[in-house]
N, C-alpha and C. Protein backbone atom coordinates (compact mmCIF):
# COMPACT_ATOMS: atom_id res chain seq x y z
N MET A 1 -16.35 -116.38 114.66
CA MET A 1 -14.93 -116.13 114.35
C MET A 1 -14.06 -117.11 115.12
N ILE A 2 -13.07 -117.65 114.43
CA ILE A 2 -12.10 -118.54 115.06
C ILE A 2 -10.76 -117.82 115.09
N LYS A 3 -10.13 -117.80 116.26
CA LYS A 3 -8.84 -117.12 116.40
C LYS A 3 -7.73 -118.11 116.72
N VAL A 4 -6.64 -118.00 115.98
CA VAL A 4 -5.49 -118.89 116.16
C VAL A 4 -4.26 -118.04 116.46
N ASP A 5 -3.63 -118.28 117.59
CA ASP A 5 -2.40 -117.55 117.94
C ASP A 5 -1.20 -118.45 117.63
N ALA A 6 -0.50 -118.15 116.53
CA ALA A 6 0.65 -118.95 116.12
C ALA A 6 1.96 -118.17 116.26
N ARG A 7 1.94 -117.12 117.06
CA ARG A 7 3.17 -116.36 117.29
C ARG A 7 4.19 -117.21 118.04
N GLY A 8 5.43 -117.15 117.60
CA GLY A 8 6.48 -117.93 118.23
C GLY A 8 6.57 -119.36 117.73
N GLU A 9 5.65 -119.77 116.86
CA GLU A 9 5.67 -121.13 116.32
C GLU A 9 6.58 -121.21 115.10
N GLN A 10 7.32 -122.30 115.00
CA GLN A 10 8.23 -122.50 113.88
C GLN A 10 7.44 -123.02 112.67
N CYS A 11 7.88 -122.60 111.48
CA CYS A 11 7.30 -123.08 110.23
C CYS A 11 7.46 -124.61 110.16
N PRO A 12 6.42 -125.37 109.73
CA PRO A 12 5.16 -124.94 109.12
C PRO A 12 3.97 -124.93 110.08
N ILE A 13 4.23 -124.87 111.40
CA ILE A 13 3.15 -124.99 112.39
C ILE A 13 2.04 -123.96 112.19
N PRO A 14 2.36 -122.66 111.91
CA PRO A 14 1.26 -121.70 111.71
C PRO A 14 0.29 -122.10 110.60
N VAL A 15 0.84 -122.63 109.50
CA VAL A 15 -0.02 -123.06 108.39
C VAL A 15 -0.86 -124.27 108.79
N ILE A 16 -0.25 -125.19 109.49
CA ILE A 16 -0.99 -126.39 109.92
C ILE A 16 -2.14 -126.02 110.85
N LYS A 17 -1.87 -125.11 111.79
CA LYS A 17 -2.93 -124.67 112.71
C LYS A 17 -4.04 -123.96 111.96
N ALA A 18 -3.65 -123.10 111.01
CA ALA A 18 -4.65 -122.37 110.22
C ALA A 18 -5.49 -123.33 109.38
N LYS A 19 -4.83 -124.34 108.82
CA LYS A 19 -5.53 -125.32 107.97
C LYS A 19 -6.58 -126.08 108.78
N LYS A 20 -6.24 -126.48 110.00
CA LYS A 20 -7.18 -127.19 110.86
C LYS A 20 -8.37 -126.30 111.23
N ALA A 21 -8.06 -125.00 111.49
CA ALA A 21 -9.13 -124.07 111.84
C ALA A 21 -10.08 -123.87 110.67
N LEU A 22 -9.53 -123.77 109.46
CA LEU A 22 -10.36 -123.59 108.26
C LEU A 22 -11.25 -124.81 108.02
N GLU A 23 -10.71 -125.98 108.29
CA GLU A 23 -11.46 -127.21 108.07
C GLU A 23 -12.63 -127.35 109.04
N SER A 24 -12.49 -126.72 110.20
CA SER A 24 -13.57 -126.80 111.20
C SER A 24 -14.56 -125.64 111.08
N ALA A 25 -14.23 -124.66 110.22
CA ALA A 25 -15.10 -123.48 110.07
C ALA A 25 -16.18 -123.73 109.03
N LYS A 26 -17.22 -122.90 109.08
CA LYS A 26 -18.32 -122.98 108.12
C LYS A 26 -18.18 -121.88 107.09
N GLU A 27 -18.86 -122.04 105.98
CA GLU A 27 -18.81 -121.04 104.92
C GLU A 27 -19.25 -119.68 105.45
N GLY A 28 -18.43 -118.66 105.18
CA GLY A 28 -18.72 -117.31 105.64
C GLY A 28 -18.06 -116.97 106.95
N ASP A 29 -17.53 -117.98 107.65
CA ASP A 29 -16.84 -117.71 108.91
C ASP A 29 -15.51 -116.99 108.66
N HIS A 30 -15.03 -116.31 109.71
CA HIS A 30 -13.72 -115.66 109.66
C HIS A 30 -12.76 -116.43 110.57
N VAL A 31 -11.58 -116.69 110.04
CA VAL A 31 -10.51 -117.31 110.84
C VAL A 31 -9.37 -116.29 110.93
N VAL A 32 -9.06 -115.88 112.15
CA VAL A 32 -8.00 -114.89 112.38
C VAL A 32 -6.77 -115.62 112.90
N VAL A 33 -5.63 -115.43 112.22
CA VAL A 33 -4.39 -116.10 112.61
C VAL A 33 -3.34 -115.05 112.91
N LEU A 34 -2.75 -115.11 114.11
CA LEU A 34 -1.68 -114.20 114.51
C LEU A 34 -0.34 -114.89 114.33
N VAL A 35 0.59 -114.24 113.63
CA VAL A 35 1.94 -114.77 113.43
C VAL A 35 2.94 -113.64 113.69
N ASP A 36 4.24 -113.99 113.71
CA ASP A 36 5.24 -112.99 114.07
C ASP A 36 6.27 -112.69 112.98
N ASN A 37 5.99 -113.12 111.74
CA ASN A 37 6.92 -112.78 110.65
C ASN A 37 6.18 -112.82 109.32
N GLU A 38 6.73 -112.10 108.34
CA GLU A 38 6.04 -111.93 107.06
C GLU A 38 6.08 -113.19 106.20
N ILE A 39 7.08 -114.03 106.40
CA ILE A 39 7.15 -115.29 105.66
C ILE A 39 5.92 -116.14 106.00
N ALA A 40 5.54 -116.16 107.27
CA ALA A 40 4.36 -116.91 107.68
C ALA A 40 3.11 -116.35 107.02
N VAL A 41 3.04 -115.02 106.89
CA VAL A 41 1.90 -114.39 106.22
C VAL A 41 1.81 -114.87 104.77
N GLN A 42 2.95 -114.92 104.09
CA GLN A 42 2.97 -115.36 102.70
C GLN A 42 2.49 -116.81 102.57
N ASN A 43 2.90 -117.65 103.52
CA ASN A 43 2.46 -119.05 103.50
C ASN A 43 0.96 -119.15 103.75
N LEU A 44 0.43 -118.31 104.64
CA LEU A 44 -1.00 -118.32 104.92
C LEU A 44 -1.80 -117.85 103.71
N GLN A 45 -1.22 -116.92 102.94
CA GLN A 45 -1.90 -116.45 101.74
C GLN A 45 -1.99 -117.56 100.70
N LYS A 46 -0.94 -118.37 100.60
CA LYS A 46 -0.97 -119.53 99.69
C LYS A 46 -2.06 -120.52 100.12
N LEU A 47 -2.19 -120.69 101.45
CA LEU A 47 -3.21 -121.58 101.97
C LEU A 47 -4.61 -121.06 101.61
N ALA A 48 -4.80 -119.75 101.71
CA ALA A 48 -6.09 -119.16 101.38
C ALA A 48 -6.45 -119.41 99.92
N THR A 49 -5.45 -119.28 99.05
CA THR A 49 -5.68 -119.52 97.63
C THR A 49 -6.10 -120.97 97.40
N GLN A 50 -5.40 -121.89 98.07
CA GLN A 50 -5.71 -123.31 97.92
C GLN A 50 -7.11 -123.64 98.43
N LYS A 51 -7.52 -122.98 99.50
CA LYS A 51 -8.81 -123.27 100.13
C LYS A 51 -9.95 -122.41 99.58
N ASN A 52 -9.63 -121.59 98.57
CA ASN A 52 -10.64 -120.72 97.97
C ASN A 52 -11.27 -119.79 99.02
N ALA A 53 -10.42 -119.29 99.92
CA ALA A 53 -10.89 -118.41 100.99
C ALA A 53 -10.43 -116.99 100.73
N GLY A 54 -11.22 -116.03 101.18
CA GLY A 54 -10.79 -114.65 101.11
C GLY A 54 -9.64 -114.44 102.09
N PHE A 55 -8.79 -113.47 101.78
CA PHE A 55 -7.62 -113.30 102.64
C PHE A 55 -7.24 -111.82 102.72
N GLN A 56 -7.02 -111.35 103.94
CA GLN A 56 -6.50 -110.02 104.20
C GLN A 56 -5.53 -110.10 105.36
N TRP A 57 -4.58 -109.18 105.39
CA TRP A 57 -3.66 -109.19 106.52
C TRP A 57 -3.21 -107.77 106.83
N LYS A 58 -2.77 -107.58 108.07
CA LYS A 58 -2.24 -106.29 108.49
C LYS A 58 -1.15 -106.50 109.53
N LYS A 59 -0.29 -105.50 109.66
CA LYS A 59 0.79 -105.55 110.64
C LYS A 59 0.38 -104.77 111.87
N ASN A 60 0.35 -105.43 113.02
CA ASN A 60 -0.07 -104.77 114.26
C ASN A 60 1.08 -104.22 115.07
N GLY A 61 2.30 -104.70 114.82
CA GLY A 61 3.47 -104.26 115.58
C GLY A 61 4.72 -104.78 114.93
N ASP A 62 5.87 -104.55 115.59
CA ASP A 62 7.16 -104.96 115.01
C ASP A 62 7.21 -106.46 114.75
N SER A 63 6.57 -107.25 115.60
CA SER A 63 6.63 -108.71 115.45
C SER A 63 5.25 -109.34 115.58
N GLU A 64 4.23 -108.66 115.03
CA GLU A 64 2.90 -109.23 115.07
C GLU A 64 2.13 -108.91 113.79
N TYR A 65 1.68 -109.95 113.13
CA TYR A 65 0.89 -109.83 111.91
C TYR A 65 -0.43 -110.55 112.12
N GLU A 66 -1.50 -109.96 111.60
CA GLU A 66 -2.83 -110.54 111.74
C GLU A 66 -3.37 -110.90 110.35
N ALA A 67 -3.59 -112.18 110.13
CA ALA A 67 -4.12 -112.66 108.86
C ALA A 67 -5.57 -113.10 109.07
N VAL A 68 -6.46 -112.67 108.17
CA VAL A 68 -7.88 -112.98 108.31
C VAL A 68 -8.36 -113.74 107.07
N PHE A 69 -8.83 -114.95 107.29
CA PHE A 69 -9.44 -115.77 106.23
C PHE A 69 -10.95 -115.60 106.28
N THR A 70 -11.55 -115.48 105.12
CA THR A 70 -13.01 -115.57 105.02
C THR A 70 -13.32 -116.87 104.28
N VAL A 71 -13.94 -117.79 104.98
CA VAL A 71 -14.12 -119.14 104.45
C VAL A 71 -15.11 -119.15 103.29
N GLY A 72 -14.67 -119.78 102.18
CA GLY A 72 -15.55 -119.92 101.01
C GLY A 72 -16.15 -121.31 100.97
N ASN A 73 -16.64 -121.70 99.81
CA ASN A 73 -17.23 -123.02 99.62
C ASN A 73 -16.11 -124.02 99.39
N SER A 74 -15.83 -124.84 100.43
CA SER A 74 -14.69 -125.77 100.34
C SER A 74 -14.89 -126.84 99.28
N ASP A 75 -16.14 -127.03 98.82
CA ASP A 75 -16.39 -128.06 97.80
C ASP A 75 -16.05 -127.58 96.40
N SER A 76 -15.79 -126.29 96.26
CA SER A 76 -15.57 -125.74 94.93
C SER A 76 -14.13 -125.77 94.48
N THR A 77 -13.25 -126.28 95.31
CA THR A 77 -11.83 -126.32 94.95
C THR A 77 -11.26 -127.70 95.23
N GLN A 78 -10.37 -128.11 94.38
CA GLN A 78 -9.74 -129.42 94.54
C GLN A 78 -8.50 -129.27 95.41
N GLU A 79 -8.34 -130.19 96.35
CA GLU A 79 -7.19 -130.14 97.25
C GLU A 79 -5.91 -130.37 96.47
N GLU A 80 -4.96 -129.47 96.62
CA GLU A 80 -3.65 -129.58 95.97
C GLU A 80 -2.56 -129.53 97.03
N GLU A 81 -1.40 -130.01 96.66
CA GLU A 81 -0.28 -129.97 97.60
C GLU A 81 0.15 -128.52 97.80
N LEU A 82 0.24 -128.11 99.05
CA LEU A 82 0.58 -126.73 99.38
C LEU A 82 2.09 -126.59 99.52
N GLU A 83 2.65 -125.65 98.77
CA GLU A 83 4.09 -125.39 98.86
C GLU A 83 4.33 -124.36 99.96
N ILE A 84 5.05 -124.78 100.99
CA ILE A 84 5.30 -123.90 102.13
C ILE A 84 6.78 -123.50 102.16
N SER A 85 7.02 -122.22 102.25
CA SER A 85 8.39 -121.73 102.38
C SER A 85 8.71 -121.54 103.85
N CYS A 86 9.73 -122.22 104.32
CA CYS A 86 10.13 -122.08 105.73
C CYS A 86 11.37 -121.21 105.88
N GLU A 87 11.62 -120.41 104.88
CA GLU A 87 12.74 -119.48 104.98
C GLU A 87 12.37 -118.38 105.96
N MET A 88 13.20 -118.20 106.99
CA MET A 88 12.92 -117.19 108.00
C MET A 88 13.69 -115.91 107.68
N PRO A 89 13.10 -114.76 107.97
CA PRO A 89 13.80 -113.51 107.72
C PRO A 89 15.08 -113.41 108.54
N ILE A 90 16.13 -112.89 107.95
CA ILE A 90 17.40 -112.75 108.65
C ILE A 90 17.33 -111.54 109.57
N PRO A 91 17.57 -111.73 110.88
CA PRO A 91 17.48 -110.59 111.79
C PRO A 91 18.58 -109.58 111.51
N THR A 92 18.24 -108.33 111.72
CA THR A 92 19.22 -107.27 111.52
C THR A 92 20.26 -107.32 112.63
N ARG A 93 21.53 -107.41 112.26
CA ARG A 93 22.58 -107.48 113.26
C ARG A 93 22.90 -106.09 113.79
N LYS A 94 22.98 -106.00 115.09
CA LYS A 94 23.33 -104.72 115.70
C LYS A 94 24.78 -104.39 115.39
N LYS A 95 25.02 -103.20 114.90
CA LYS A 95 26.38 -102.79 114.58
C LYS A 95 27.18 -102.54 115.85
N LYS A 96 28.45 -102.96 115.83
CA LYS A 96 29.30 -102.82 117.00
C LYS A 96 30.14 -101.56 116.88
N THR A 97 30.04 -100.71 117.89
CA THR A 97 30.79 -99.45 117.91
C THR A 97 31.81 -99.49 119.03
N VAL A 98 33.06 -99.19 118.70
CA VAL A 98 34.14 -99.16 119.67
C VAL A 98 34.77 -97.77 119.69
N VAL A 99 34.85 -97.20 120.88
CA VAL A 99 35.52 -95.90 121.06
C VAL A 99 36.93 -96.18 121.54
N VAL A 100 37.92 -95.61 120.86
CA VAL A 100 39.33 -95.83 121.17
C VAL A 100 39.94 -94.53 121.71
N ILE A 101 40.43 -94.59 122.93
CA ILE A 101 41.04 -93.41 123.55
C ILE A 101 42.50 -93.72 123.86
N ALA A 102 43.39 -93.09 123.13
CA ALA A 102 44.82 -93.40 123.21
C ALA A 102 45.63 -92.30 123.87
N SER A 103 44.97 -91.31 124.44
CA SER A 103 45.67 -90.19 125.06
C SER A 103 44.83 -89.66 126.21
N ASN A 104 45.46 -88.90 127.09
CA ASN A 104 44.71 -88.29 128.19
C ASN A 104 44.16 -86.92 127.80
N GLN A 105 44.25 -86.60 126.50
CA GLN A 105 43.68 -85.35 126.00
C GLN A 105 43.15 -85.56 124.59
N MET A 106 42.30 -84.65 124.16
CA MET A 106 41.68 -84.77 122.84
C MET A 106 42.30 -83.77 121.89
N GLY A 107 42.82 -84.29 120.79
CA GLY A 107 43.42 -83.42 119.79
C GLY A 107 44.86 -83.03 120.13
N VAL A 108 45.41 -82.18 119.30
CA VAL A 108 46.80 -81.72 119.46
C VAL A 108 46.80 -80.21 119.69
N GLY A 109 47.51 -79.79 120.71
CA GLY A 109 47.56 -78.36 121.02
C GLY A 109 47.74 -78.16 122.51
N GLU A 110 47.11 -77.17 123.05
CA GLU A 110 47.21 -76.86 124.47
C GLU A 110 46.71 -78.03 125.32
N GLU A 111 47.55 -78.52 126.25
CA GLU A 111 47.22 -79.70 127.04
C GLU A 111 45.97 -79.50 127.89
N ALA A 112 45.86 -78.33 128.55
CA ALA A 112 44.70 -78.09 129.41
C ALA A 112 43.40 -78.13 128.60
N LEU A 113 43.44 -77.56 127.40
CA LEU A 113 42.27 -77.58 126.53
C LEU A 113 41.95 -79.00 126.09
N GLY A 114 42.99 -79.74 125.74
CA GLY A 114 42.80 -81.13 125.29
C GLY A 114 42.16 -81.99 126.36
N LYS A 115 42.55 -81.80 127.62
CA LYS A 115 41.97 -82.58 128.71
C LYS A 115 40.50 -82.19 128.94
N THR A 116 40.22 -80.91 128.82
CA THR A 116 38.84 -80.44 128.96
C THR A 116 37.96 -81.01 127.86
N LEU A 117 38.51 -81.03 126.65
CA LEU A 117 37.75 -81.56 125.52
C LEU A 117 37.46 -83.05 125.70
N LEU A 118 38.44 -83.81 126.17
CA LEU A 118 38.25 -85.24 126.35
C LEU A 118 37.22 -85.53 127.44
N LYS A 119 37.27 -84.76 128.52
CA LYS A 119 36.29 -84.92 129.58
C LYS A 119 34.88 -84.66 129.02
N GLY A 120 34.75 -83.61 128.21
CA GLY A 120 33.47 -83.29 127.59
C GLY A 120 33.02 -84.37 126.62
N PHE A 121 33.97 -84.95 125.91
CA PHE A 121 33.65 -86.01 124.95
C PHE A 121 33.08 -87.23 125.67
N ILE A 122 33.72 -87.64 126.76
CA ILE A 122 33.26 -88.82 127.49
C ILE A 122 31.89 -88.56 128.12
N TYR A 123 31.69 -87.35 128.63
CA TYR A 123 30.37 -87.00 129.16
C TYR A 123 29.32 -87.06 128.06
N ALA A 124 29.67 -86.55 126.88
CA ALA A 124 28.73 -86.55 125.75
C ALA A 124 28.34 -87.96 125.35
N LEU A 125 29.24 -88.93 125.54
CA LEU A 125 28.90 -90.33 125.26
C LEU A 125 27.73 -90.79 126.11
N THR A 126 27.67 -90.31 127.37
CA THR A 126 26.60 -90.73 128.27
C THR A 126 25.25 -90.17 127.85
N GLN A 127 25.24 -89.17 126.98
CA GLN A 127 24.00 -88.52 126.58
C GLN A 127 23.46 -89.02 125.25
N GLN A 128 24.15 -89.98 124.65
CA GLN A 128 23.72 -90.50 123.35
C GLN A 128 22.56 -91.47 123.49
N ASP A 129 21.68 -91.49 122.50
CA ASP A 129 20.57 -92.44 122.50
C ASP A 129 21.06 -93.88 122.35
N VAL A 130 22.12 -94.04 121.54
CA VAL A 130 22.73 -95.36 121.35
C VAL A 130 24.15 -95.31 121.90
N LEU A 131 24.42 -96.09 122.92
CA LEU A 131 25.74 -96.09 123.55
C LEU A 131 26.71 -97.00 122.79
N PRO A 132 28.01 -96.73 122.89
CA PRO A 132 28.98 -97.63 122.25
C PRO A 132 28.99 -98.98 122.95
N ASP A 133 29.51 -99.98 122.26
CA ASP A 133 29.62 -101.30 122.87
C ASP A 133 30.83 -101.39 123.79
N THR A 134 31.92 -100.75 123.36
CA THR A 134 33.18 -100.85 124.10
C THR A 134 33.90 -99.51 124.06
N ILE A 135 34.56 -99.17 125.19
CA ILE A 135 35.51 -98.05 125.20
C ILE A 135 36.87 -98.64 125.57
N LEU A 136 37.82 -98.43 124.70
CA LEU A 136 39.15 -99.03 124.83
C LEU A 136 40.17 -97.94 125.16
N PHE A 137 40.91 -98.12 126.25
CA PHE A 137 41.95 -97.16 126.66
C PHE A 137 43.33 -97.80 126.52
N TYR A 138 44.24 -97.07 125.88
CA TYR A 138 45.62 -97.55 125.84
C TYR A 138 46.57 -96.36 125.77
N ASN A 139 47.86 -96.65 125.93
CA ASN A 139 48.90 -95.62 126.01
C ASN A 139 48.50 -94.56 127.02
N GLY A 140 48.61 -93.28 126.67
CA GLY A 140 48.30 -92.22 127.63
C GLY A 140 46.86 -92.22 128.09
N GLY A 141 45.97 -92.84 127.31
CA GLY A 141 44.57 -92.89 127.69
C GLY A 141 44.29 -93.82 128.86
N ALA A 142 45.27 -94.65 129.23
CA ALA A 142 45.07 -95.61 130.32
C ALA A 142 44.74 -94.93 131.64
N SER A 143 45.23 -93.72 131.83
CA SER A 143 45.00 -93.02 133.09
C SER A 143 43.54 -92.58 133.27
N ILE A 144 42.79 -92.53 132.19
CA ILE A 144 41.41 -92.03 132.25
C ILE A 144 40.51 -92.99 133.02
N SER A 145 40.85 -94.26 133.04
CA SER A 145 40.04 -95.25 133.76
C SER A 145 40.57 -95.52 135.17
N CYS A 146 41.47 -94.68 135.62
CA CYS A 146 42.11 -94.88 136.93
C CYS A 146 41.65 -93.84 137.95
N GLU A 147 41.99 -94.09 139.21
CA GLU A 147 41.67 -93.18 140.30
C GLU A 147 42.19 -91.78 139.97
N GLY A 148 41.40 -90.77 140.31
CA GLY A 148 41.81 -89.39 140.07
C GLY A 148 41.34 -88.84 138.73
N SER A 149 40.78 -89.70 137.88
CA SER A 149 40.30 -89.26 136.57
C SER A 149 39.03 -88.43 136.73
N ASP A 150 38.96 -87.32 136.00
CA ASP A 150 37.75 -86.47 136.02
C ASP A 150 36.56 -87.17 135.35
N SER A 151 36.82 -88.22 134.60
CA SER A 151 35.76 -88.90 133.86
C SER A 151 35.31 -90.20 134.52
N LEU A 152 35.80 -90.45 135.71
CA LEU A 152 35.56 -91.74 136.35
C LEU A 152 34.07 -92.02 136.57
N GLU A 153 33.32 -91.06 137.05
CA GLU A 153 31.90 -91.27 137.31
C GLU A 153 31.12 -91.55 136.02
N ASP A 154 31.50 -90.83 134.96
CA ASP A 154 30.84 -91.06 133.67
C ASP A 154 31.13 -92.46 133.17
N LEU A 155 32.37 -92.91 133.33
CA LEU A 155 32.74 -94.25 132.88
C LEU A 155 32.02 -95.32 133.70
N LYS A 156 31.88 -95.10 134.99
CA LYS A 156 31.18 -96.07 135.83
C LYS A 156 29.72 -96.15 135.43
N TRP A 157 29.13 -95.02 135.09
CA TRP A 157 27.73 -95.03 134.65
C TRP A 157 27.59 -95.78 133.34
N LEU A 158 28.52 -95.54 132.42
CA LEU A 158 28.47 -96.23 131.13
C LEU A 158 28.61 -97.74 131.33
N GLU A 159 29.48 -98.14 132.23
CA GLU A 159 29.66 -99.57 132.50
C GLU A 159 28.38 -100.18 133.06
N GLN A 160 27.68 -99.44 133.92
CA GLN A 160 26.42 -99.92 134.48
C GLN A 160 25.36 -100.11 133.40
N GLN A 161 25.48 -99.34 132.31
CA GLN A 161 24.52 -99.46 131.20
C GLN A 161 24.90 -100.57 130.23
N GLY A 162 25.99 -101.27 130.51
CA GLY A 162 26.38 -102.39 129.66
C GLY A 162 27.54 -102.12 128.72
N VAL A 163 28.13 -100.91 128.79
CA VAL A 163 29.27 -100.60 127.94
C VAL A 163 30.52 -101.26 128.53
N GLU A 164 31.24 -101.97 127.69
CA GLU A 164 32.47 -102.63 128.14
C GLU A 164 33.60 -101.60 128.21
N ILE A 165 34.25 -101.52 129.37
CA ILE A 165 35.39 -100.60 129.57
C ILE A 165 36.64 -101.46 129.72
N ILE A 166 37.58 -101.33 128.79
CA ILE A 166 38.80 -102.14 128.87
C ILE A 166 40.04 -101.25 128.72
N THR A 167 41.06 -101.58 129.50
CA THR A 167 42.29 -100.78 129.52
C THR A 167 43.50 -101.67 129.33
N CYS A 168 44.42 -101.24 128.52
CA CYS A 168 45.64 -101.99 128.21
C CYS A 168 46.48 -102.23 129.46
N GLY A 169 46.73 -103.50 129.79
CA GLY A 169 47.51 -103.84 130.97
C GLY A 169 48.97 -103.43 130.85
N THR A 170 49.55 -103.59 129.66
CA THR A 170 50.94 -103.18 129.45
C THR A 170 51.10 -101.69 129.70
N CYS A 171 50.10 -100.92 129.28
CA CYS A 171 50.15 -99.46 129.46
C CYS A 171 50.03 -99.08 130.93
N LEU A 172 49.15 -99.76 131.65
CA LEU A 172 49.00 -99.50 133.08
C LEU A 172 50.30 -99.79 133.82
N ASN A 173 50.94 -100.90 133.46
CA ASN A 173 52.22 -101.26 134.10
C ASN A 173 53.33 -100.26 133.74
N PHE A 174 53.35 -99.84 132.47
CA PHE A 174 54.39 -98.92 132.02
C PHE A 174 54.32 -97.60 132.80
N TYR A 175 53.12 -97.11 133.02
CA TYR A 175 52.96 -95.83 133.73
C TYR A 175 52.88 -96.01 135.25
N GLY A 176 52.95 -97.26 135.72
CA GLY A 176 52.94 -97.53 137.16
C GLY A 176 51.61 -97.23 137.83
N ILE A 177 50.52 -97.45 137.12
CA ILE A 177 49.19 -97.12 137.67
C ILE A 177 48.25 -98.33 137.66
N ALA A 178 48.81 -99.53 137.55
CA ALA A 178 47.98 -100.73 137.47
C ALA A 178 47.08 -100.87 138.69
N GLU A 179 47.59 -100.52 139.88
CA GLU A 179 46.81 -100.66 141.10
C GLU A 179 45.74 -99.58 141.24
N LYS A 180 45.78 -98.60 140.37
CA LYS A 180 44.81 -97.49 140.46
C LYS A 180 43.62 -97.65 139.52
N LEU A 181 43.60 -98.74 138.75
CA LEU A 181 42.47 -98.95 137.85
C LEU A 181 41.17 -98.97 138.65
N ALA A 182 40.21 -98.13 138.26
CA ALA A 182 39.00 -97.95 139.08
C ALA A 182 37.71 -98.34 138.36
N VAL A 183 37.79 -98.66 137.07
CA VAL A 183 36.59 -99.05 136.35
C VAL A 183 36.97 -99.97 135.20
N GLY A 184 36.12 -100.94 134.91
CA GLY A 184 36.40 -101.84 133.79
C GLY A 184 37.41 -102.92 134.13
N LYS A 185 37.97 -103.49 133.10
CA LYS A 185 38.92 -104.59 133.28
C LYS A 185 40.19 -104.35 132.48
N VAL A 186 41.21 -105.11 132.81
CA VAL A 186 42.50 -105.04 132.12
C VAL A 186 42.45 -105.94 130.89
N THR A 187 43.06 -105.49 129.82
CA THR A 187 43.09 -106.29 128.60
C THR A 187 44.51 -106.40 128.07
N ASN A 188 44.68 -107.20 127.03
CA ASN A 188 46.00 -107.40 126.43
C ASN A 188 45.94 -107.04 124.95
N MET A 189 47.07 -107.07 124.29
CA MET A 189 47.13 -106.64 122.90
C MET A 189 46.33 -107.55 121.98
N TYR A 190 46.27 -108.84 122.30
CA TYR A 190 45.49 -109.75 121.47
C TYR A 190 44.01 -109.36 121.49
N GLU A 191 43.49 -109.08 122.68
CA GLU A 191 42.08 -108.69 122.79
C GLU A 191 41.85 -107.31 122.18
N ILE A 192 42.83 -106.43 122.31
CA ILE A 192 42.71 -105.10 121.69
C ILE A 192 42.54 -105.24 120.19
N VAL A 193 43.37 -106.07 119.57
CA VAL A 193 43.28 -106.29 118.13
C VAL A 193 41.94 -106.92 117.77
N GLN A 194 41.53 -107.93 118.53
CA GLN A 194 40.24 -108.58 118.28
C GLN A 194 39.08 -107.59 118.36
N THR A 195 39.11 -106.75 119.38
CA THR A 195 38.03 -105.77 119.58
C THR A 195 37.95 -104.79 118.43
N MET A 196 39.10 -104.33 117.98
CA MET A 196 39.12 -103.35 116.89
C MET A 196 38.76 -104.00 115.56
N MET A 197 39.21 -105.23 115.34
CA MET A 197 38.93 -105.93 114.09
C MET A 197 37.44 -106.27 113.95
N SER A 198 36.78 -106.53 115.08
CA SER A 198 35.38 -106.95 115.04
C SER A 198 34.41 -105.76 115.03
N ALA A 199 34.95 -104.54 115.15
CA ALA A 199 34.08 -103.36 115.21
C ALA A 199 33.57 -102.97 113.84
N ASP A 200 32.31 -102.56 113.76
CA ASP A 200 31.76 -102.00 112.53
C ASP A 200 32.15 -100.52 112.41
N SER A 201 32.34 -99.90 113.58
CA SER A 201 32.68 -98.48 113.60
C SER A 201 33.69 -98.21 114.71
N LEU A 202 34.81 -97.59 114.36
CA LEU A 202 35.84 -97.19 115.34
C LEU A 202 35.80 -95.68 115.47
N ILE A 203 35.66 -95.19 116.69
CA ILE A 203 35.62 -93.75 116.94
C ILE A 203 36.82 -93.39 117.80
N LYS A 204 37.64 -92.46 117.31
CA LYS A 204 38.83 -92.03 118.05
C LYS A 204 38.81 -90.52 118.18
N PRO A 205 38.56 -90.01 119.40
CA PRO A 205 38.51 -88.56 119.58
C PRO A 205 39.89 -87.90 119.47
């Protein structure tokens, strides 16, 4: 058995390596080729057809495919030009989620209840399997990222996990709490608009 590891190789290198291995193999030998995308598997299958070789493949993991050639009689087929597709699969783009908090309470009604709900909401964010990309605070919500906030520890933990915490600078100045910002960074209206426009999902409690 001949084994070829072509994972991480750009097209058409996997096919070229497999072709060389097949040429050095004897009739009945197995050539195992490891690649990391299905396009490469399709190209290897075309090579097997051209070389009159048996072909099987299986997926071993998210980015690992195993192709197995069984070498046939190389004299029984005429060499033809091999058409190789170098089209690579388009990676799935991670969706961007932005949480927008514009008040120091959640919902409309009793203030004490609203503050309790918002504290619970921010804590619940820390328990999600997939965390948001950004949490944006503006207007009355600016105080939540400042000293004295009941949610400060949760926000600091989220920031440590890679969640961007940004607070409107104009809002901090308006309420006179700019010096009390305790987590994240100050932002401006241009960045606020950019952040919201680029989001796939906006969540506003």
